[in-house]
Amino acid sequence: MIVSAFLLAVGVVLPANLESAARAIESILLPLIFVRLGLILYGIGMHLHLMHLNLVRQLQPSSVDDLQLPGEHSD
């Protein structure tokens, strides 16, 4: 969604502002900032999600770790 908004801005807004390099850069700068902030927020959210999953796994009782998987054989 975030990258598609940037591509839409490049495809629609940039061609209308190609008279000078300064106007072209200015027209792309705001969508580019939007993309960067969106990706940073996505990365932070994914990091927090993975940390939560790791914490949940660590807080589970140790008896769950002792269970055998269906393919394992006890010797």
N, C-alpha and C. Protein backbone atom coordinates (compact mmCIF):
# COMPACT_ATOMS: atom_id res chain seq x y z
N MET A 1 0.82 -1.19 0.00
CA MET A 1 0.00 0.00 0.00
C MET A 1 0.87 1.26 0.00
N ILE A 2 1.90 1.25 0.83
CA ILE A 2 2.76 2.43 0.95
C ILE A 2 3.55 2.63 -0.34
N VAL A 3 4.12 1.57 -0.84
CA VAL A 3 4.93 1.68 -2.06
C VAL A 3 4.05 2.01 -3.26
N SER A 4 2.84 1.48 -3.28
CA SER A 4 1.93 1.79 -4.39
C SER A 4 1.54 3.27 -4.38
N ALA A 5 1.39 3.87 -3.20
CA ALA A 5 1.11 5.30 -3.13
C ALA A 5 2.27 6.11 -3.69
N PHE A 6 3.49 5.66 -3.41
CA PHE A 6 4.65 6.36 -3.96
C PHE A 6 4.72 6.22 -5.47
N LEU A 7 4.46 5.02 -5.98
CA LEU A 7 4.48 4.81 -7.43
C LEU A 7 3.39 5.63 -8.12
N LEU A 8 2.24 5.75 -7.48
CA LEU A 8 1.17 6.59 -8.02
C LEU A 8 1.61 8.05 -8.08
N ALA A 9 2.28 8.51 -7.03
CA ALA A 9 2.77 9.89 -7.03
C ALA A 9 3.82 10.10 -8.11
N VAL A 10 4.68 9.13 -8.30
CA VAL A 10 5.70 9.26 -9.35
C VAL A 10 5.05 9.26 -10.74
N GLY A 11 4.03 8.42 -10.91
CA GLY A 11 3.38 8.32 -12.22
C GLY A 11 2.47 9.48 -12.54
N VAL A 12 1.89 10.12 -11.52
CA VAL A 12 0.91 11.18 -11.77
C VAL A 12 1.49 12.57 -11.52
N VAL A 13 2.14 12.76 -10.40
CA VAL A 13 2.60 14.09 -10.00
C VAL A 13 3.89 14.48 -10.69
N LEU A 14 4.80 13.56 -10.83
CA LEU A 14 6.11 13.88 -11.42
C LEU A 14 6.02 14.37 -12.86
N PRO A 15 5.28 13.72 -13.73
CA PRO A 15 5.23 14.24 -15.11
C PRO A 15 4.67 15.66 -15.21
N ALA A 16 3.81 16.06 -14.29
CA ALA A 16 3.26 17.42 -14.33
C ALA A 16 4.27 18.46 -13.86
N ASN A 17 5.35 18.05 -13.22
CA ASN A 17 6.33 18.99 -12.66
C ASN A 17 7.72 18.79 -13.24
N LEU A 18 7.80 18.43 -14.49
CA LEU A 18 9.12 18.19 -15.09
C LEU A 18 9.74 19.43 -15.73
N GLU A 19 9.13 20.62 -15.53
CA GLU A 19 9.73 21.80 -16.15
C GLU A 19 11.09 22.15 -15.57
N SER A 20 11.27 21.90 -14.27
CA SER A 20 12.58 22.16 -13.67
C SER A 20 12.91 21.04 -12.69
N ALA A 21 14.19 20.89 -12.46
CA ALA A 21 14.64 19.83 -11.55
C ALA A 21 14.19 20.11 -10.12
N ALA A 22 14.17 21.38 -9.72
CA ALA A 22 13.77 21.72 -8.36
C ALA A 22 12.31 21.37 -8.11
N ARG A 23 11.45 21.64 -9.07
CA ARG A 23 10.02 21.32 -8.90
C ARG A 23 9.80 19.81 -8.92
N ALA A 24 10.57 19.10 -9.72
CA ALA A 24 10.44 17.64 -9.77
C ALA A 24 10.86 17.02 -8.44
N ILE A 25 11.97 17.48 -7.89
CA ILE A 25 12.44 16.96 -6.61
C ILE A 25 11.44 17.30 -5.51
N GLU A 26 10.93 18.53 -5.53
CA GLU A 26 9.97 18.95 -4.51
C GLU A 26 8.67 18.14 -4.58
N SER A 27 8.25 17.77 -5.76
CA SER A 27 7.01 17.01 -5.90
C SER A 27 7.14 15.56 -5.46
N ILE A 28 8.36 15.02 -5.45
CA ILE A 28 8.58 13.64 -5.06
C ILE A 28 9.02 13.53 -3.59
N LEU A 29 9.48 14.63 -3.02
CA LEU A 29 10.03 14.59 -1.67
C LEU A 29 9.00 14.17 -0.62
N LEU A 30 7.81 14.73 -0.64
CA LEU A 30 6.80 14.39 0.36
C LEU A 30 6.36 12.92 0.24
N PRO A 31 6.05 12.39 -0.95
CA PRO A 31 5.72 10.95 -1.01
C PRO A 31 6.88 10.05 -0.57
N LEU A 32 8.11 10.47 -0.85
CA LEU A 32 9.26 9.68 -0.44
C LEU A 32 9.39 9.65 1.08
N ILE A 33 9.14 10.78 1.73
CA ILE A 33 9.15 10.82 3.20
C ILE A 33 8.05 9.92 3.75
N PHE A 34 6.88 9.95 3.12
CA PHE A 34 5.76 9.10 3.52
C PHE A 34 6.14 7.62 3.44
N VAL A 35 6.79 7.25 2.38
CA VAL A 35 7.21 5.85 2.20
C VAL A 35 8.23 5.45 3.27
N ARG A 36 9.20 6.30 3.50
CA ARG A 36 10.22 5.98 4.49
C ARG A 36 9.62 5.84 5.89
N LEU A 37 8.77 6.77 6.28
CA LEU A 37 8.15 6.69 7.61
C LEU A 37 7.26 5.46 7.73
N GLY A 38 6.54 5.13 6.67
CA GLY A 38 5.70 3.94 6.69
C GLY A 38 6.51 2.67 6.86
N LEU A 39 7.62 2.58 6.16
CA LEU A 39 8.46 1.39 6.27
C LEU A 39 9.14 1.30 7.64
N ILE A 40 9.51 2.45 8.20
CA ILE A 40 10.09 2.45 9.55
C ILE A 40 9.06 1.98 10.56
N LEU A 41 7.82 2.48 10.46
CA LEU A 41 6.77 2.05 11.38
C LEU A 41 6.45 0.57 11.21
N TYR A 42 6.46 0.08 9.98
CA TYR A 42 6.24 -1.34 9.74
C TYR A 42 7.34 -2.18 10.39
N GLY A 43 8.58 -1.73 10.25
CA GLY A 43 9.70 -2.44 10.86
C GLY A 43 9.63 -2.45 12.38
N ILE A 44 9.24 -1.33 12.98
CA ILE A 44 9.10 -1.27 14.43
C ILE A 44 7.98 -2.21 14.89
N GLY A 45 6.86 -2.20 14.18
CA GLY A 45 5.76 -3.07 14.54
C GLY A 45 6.13 -4.54 14.42
N MET A 46 6.84 -4.90 13.37
CA MET A 46 7.25 -6.29 13.19
C MET A 46 8.24 -6.70 14.28
N HIS A 47 9.14 -5.80 14.64
CA HIS A 47 10.10 -6.09 15.70
C HIS A 47 9.37 -6.34 17.02
N LEU A 48 8.41 -5.48 17.36
CA LEU A 48 7.66 -5.66 18.60
C LEU A 48 6.84 -6.94 18.59
N HIS A 49 6.28 -7.27 17.44
CA HIS A 49 5.51 -8.50 17.31
C HIS A 49 6.39 -9.73 17.55
N LEU A 50 7.56 -9.74 16.95
CA LEU A 50 8.47 -10.87 17.13
C LEU A 50 8.98 -10.97 18.56
N MET A 51 9.23 -9.81 19.20
CA MET A 51 9.64 -9.84 20.59
C MET A 51 8.53 -10.40 21.47
N HIS A 52 7.28 -10.05 21.17
CA HIS A 52 6.16 -10.57 21.95
C HIS A 52 6.04 -12.08 21.78
N LEU A 53 6.19 -12.57 20.54
CA LEU A 53 6.11 -14.01 20.31
C LEU A 53 7.22 -14.75 21.06
N ASN A 54 8.40 -14.17 21.08
CA ASN A 54 9.52 -14.79 21.79
C ASN A 54 9.25 -14.81 23.29
N LEU A 55 8.69 -13.73 23.81
CA LEU A 55 8.38 -13.66 25.24
C LEU A 55 7.31 -14.67 25.61
N VAL A 56 6.28 -14.82 24.79
CA VAL A 56 5.23 -15.80 25.05
C VAL A 56 5.82 -17.21 25.05
N ARG A 57 6.71 -17.49 24.11
CA ARG A 57 7.33 -18.81 24.05
C ARG A 57 8.18 -19.08 25.29
N GLN A 58 8.87 -18.06 25.78
CA GLN A 58 9.72 -18.24 26.95
C GLN A 58 8.90 -18.41 28.23
N LEU A 59 7.71 -17.81 28.29
CA LEU A 59 6.89 -17.88 29.49
C LEU A 59 6.04 -19.14 29.57
N GLN A 60 5.99 -19.92 28.50
CA GLN A 60 5.22 -21.16 28.55
C GLN A 60 5.89 -22.13 29.49
N PRO A 61 5.10 -23.02 30.11
CA PRO A 61 5.70 -23.99 31.03
C PRO A 61 6.74 -24.86 30.33
N SER A 62 7.73 -25.31 31.09
CA SER A 62 8.80 -26.10 30.49
C SER A 62 8.32 -27.48 30.07
N SER A 63 7.16 -27.93 30.56
CA SER A 63 6.66 -29.24 30.16
C SER A 63 6.28 -29.26 28.69
N VAL A 64 5.98 -28.12 28.13
CA VAL A 64 5.66 -28.04 26.70
C VAL A 64 6.92 -28.32 25.89
N ASP A 65 8.07 -27.89 26.39
CA ASP A 65 9.34 -28.13 25.69
C ASP A 65 9.70 -29.61 25.70
N ASP A 66 9.24 -30.35 26.71
CA ASP A 66 9.59 -31.76 26.84
C ASP A 66 8.74 -32.68 25.97
N LEU A 67 7.67 -32.16 25.39
CA LEU A 67 6.82 -32.99 24.53
C LEU A 67 7.57 -33.37 23.27
N GLN A 68 7.35 -34.56 22.79
CA GLN A 68 8.03 -35.02 21.58
C GLN A 68 7.19 -34.67 20.36
N LEU A 69 7.84 -34.37 19.30
CA LEU A 69 7.16 -34.17 18.03
C LEU A 69 6.74 -35.53 17.48
N PRO A 70 5.70 -35.55 16.62
CA PRO A 70 5.22 -36.84 16.11
C PRO A 70 6.27 -37.67 15.40
N GLY A 71 7.27 -37.06 14.79
CA GLY A 71 8.27 -37.82 14.04
C GLY A 71 9.45 -38.28 14.87
N GLU A 72 9.51 -37.86 16.14
CA GLU A 72 10.66 -38.21 16.99
C GLU A 72 10.45 -39.56 17.65
N HIS A 73 11.55 -40.30 17.84
CA HIS A 73 11.50 -41.57 18.54
C HIS A 73 12.28 -41.44 19.84
N SER A 74 11.76 -42.03 20.89
CA SER A 74 12.50 -42.01 22.16
C SER A 74 13.38 -43.25 22.23
N ASP A 75 14.62 -43.05 22.63
CA ASP A 75 15.56 -44.18 22.73
C ASP A 75 15.70 -44.66 24.16
